[in-house]
């Protein structure tokens, strides 16, 4: 994420519950994926779970950017 995006998040996270939830979800998914990435070998089920988490992380990032776009327009 770019610094300008991070600044917008810091500015609006306390007043926008949706933004806060999506940022928290994104961070949790990032941590879960980091755990998978530390492993040398993943079982087929773990590979599927990793892919699922990656997709969810991307969805949460898209939601964050959509919310930030709303704030950029109003600024």
Protein backbone atom coordinates (compact mmCIF):
# COMPACT_ATOMS: atom_id res chain seq x y z
CA UNK A 1 0.00 0.00 0.00
CA UNK A 2 1.23 3.46 -0.79
CA UNK A 3 1.99 5.95 1.95
CA UNK A 4 -0.91 8.20 0.88
CA UNK A 5 -3.29 5.24 1.30
CA UNK A 6 -1.87 4.49 4.73
CA UNK A 7 -2.35 8.13 5.73
CA UNK A 8 -5.98 8.05 4.61
CA UNK A 9 -6.55 4.86 6.59
CA UNK A 10 -5.00 6.41 9.70
CA UNK A 11 -7.17 9.48 9.25
CA UNK A 12 -10.53 7.73 8.80
CA UNK A 13 -10.20 4.34 10.50
CA UNK A 14 -11.63 5.48 13.84
CA UNK A 15 -14.74 7.04 12.33
CA UNK A 16 -15.48 4.47 9.61
CA UNK A 17 -16.42 1.07 11.03
CA UNK A 18 -16.46 -0.57 7.61
CA UNK A 19 -12.94 0.63 6.85
CA UNK A 20 -11.75 -0.50 10.27
CA UNK A 21 -13.26 -3.97 9.84
CA UNK A 22 -11.76 -4.44 6.39
CA UNK A 23 -8.31 -3.31 7.53
CA UNK A 24 -8.46 -5.69 10.49
CA UNK A 25 -9.61 -8.55 8.25
CA UNK A 26 -6.81 -7.79 5.79
CA UNK A 27 -4.19 -7.84 8.54
CA UNK A 28 -5.50 -11.13 9.97
CA UNK A 29 -5.45 -12.73 6.53
CA UNK A 30 -1.93 -11.41 5.94
CA UNK A 31 -0.77 -12.99 9.21
CA UNK A 32 -2.42 -16.32 8.36
CA UNK A 33 -0.79 -16.32 4.93
CA UNK A 34 2.59 -15.50 6.47
CA UNK A 35 2.22 -18.66 8.55
CA UNK A 36 1.58 -20.72 5.42
CA UNK A 37 4.55 -19.10 3.66
CA UNK A 38 6.91 -20.13 6.46
CA UNK A 39 6.23 -23.80 5.79
CA UNK A 40 8.42 -25.74 3.40
CA UNK A 41 5.68 -28.14 2.37
CA UNK A 42 1.90 -27.75 2.30
CA UNK A 43 -0.60 -30.56 2.07
CA UNK A 44 -3.15 -30.34 -0.72
CA UNK A 45 -5.76 -29.14 1.80
CA UNK A 46 -3.37 -26.47 3.08
CA UNK A 47 -2.72 -25.33 -0.51
CA UNK A 48 -6.48 -24.95 -1.02
CA UNK A 49 -6.81 -23.03 2.24
CA UNK A 50 -3.88 -20.79 1.29
CA UNK A 51 -5.53 -19.98 -2.06
CA UNK A 52 -8.83 -19.26 -0.32
CA UNK A 53 -7.14 -16.88 2.11
CA UNK A 54 -5.31 -15.13 -0.73
CA UNK A 55 -8.63 -14.51 -2.49
CA UNK A 56 -10.24 -13.20 0.69
CA UNK A 57 -7.26 -10.92 1.28
CA UNK A 58 -7.61 -9.53 -2.23
CA UNK A 59 -11.33 -8.93 -1.71
CA UNK A 60 -10.65 -7.06 1.53
CA UNK A 61 -7.97 -4.96 -0.19
CA UNK A 62 -10.40 -4.09 -2.98
CA UNK A 63 -12.97 -3.02 -0.39
CA UNK A 64 -10.40 -0.87 1.38
CA UNK A 65 -9.47 0.85 -1.88
CA UNK A 66 -13.14 1.44 -2.71
CA UNK A 67 -13.67 3.11 0.67
CA UNK A 68 -10.50 5.18 0.26
CA UNK A 69 -11.66 6.29 -3.20
CA UNK A 70 -14.80 7.68 -1.59
CA UNK A 71 -12.68 9.76 0.79
CA UNK A 72 -10.38 10.95 -2.00
CA UNK A 73 -13.39 12.28 -3.94
CA UNK A 74 -14.67 14.19 -0.94
CA UNK A 75 -11.27 15.71 -0.13
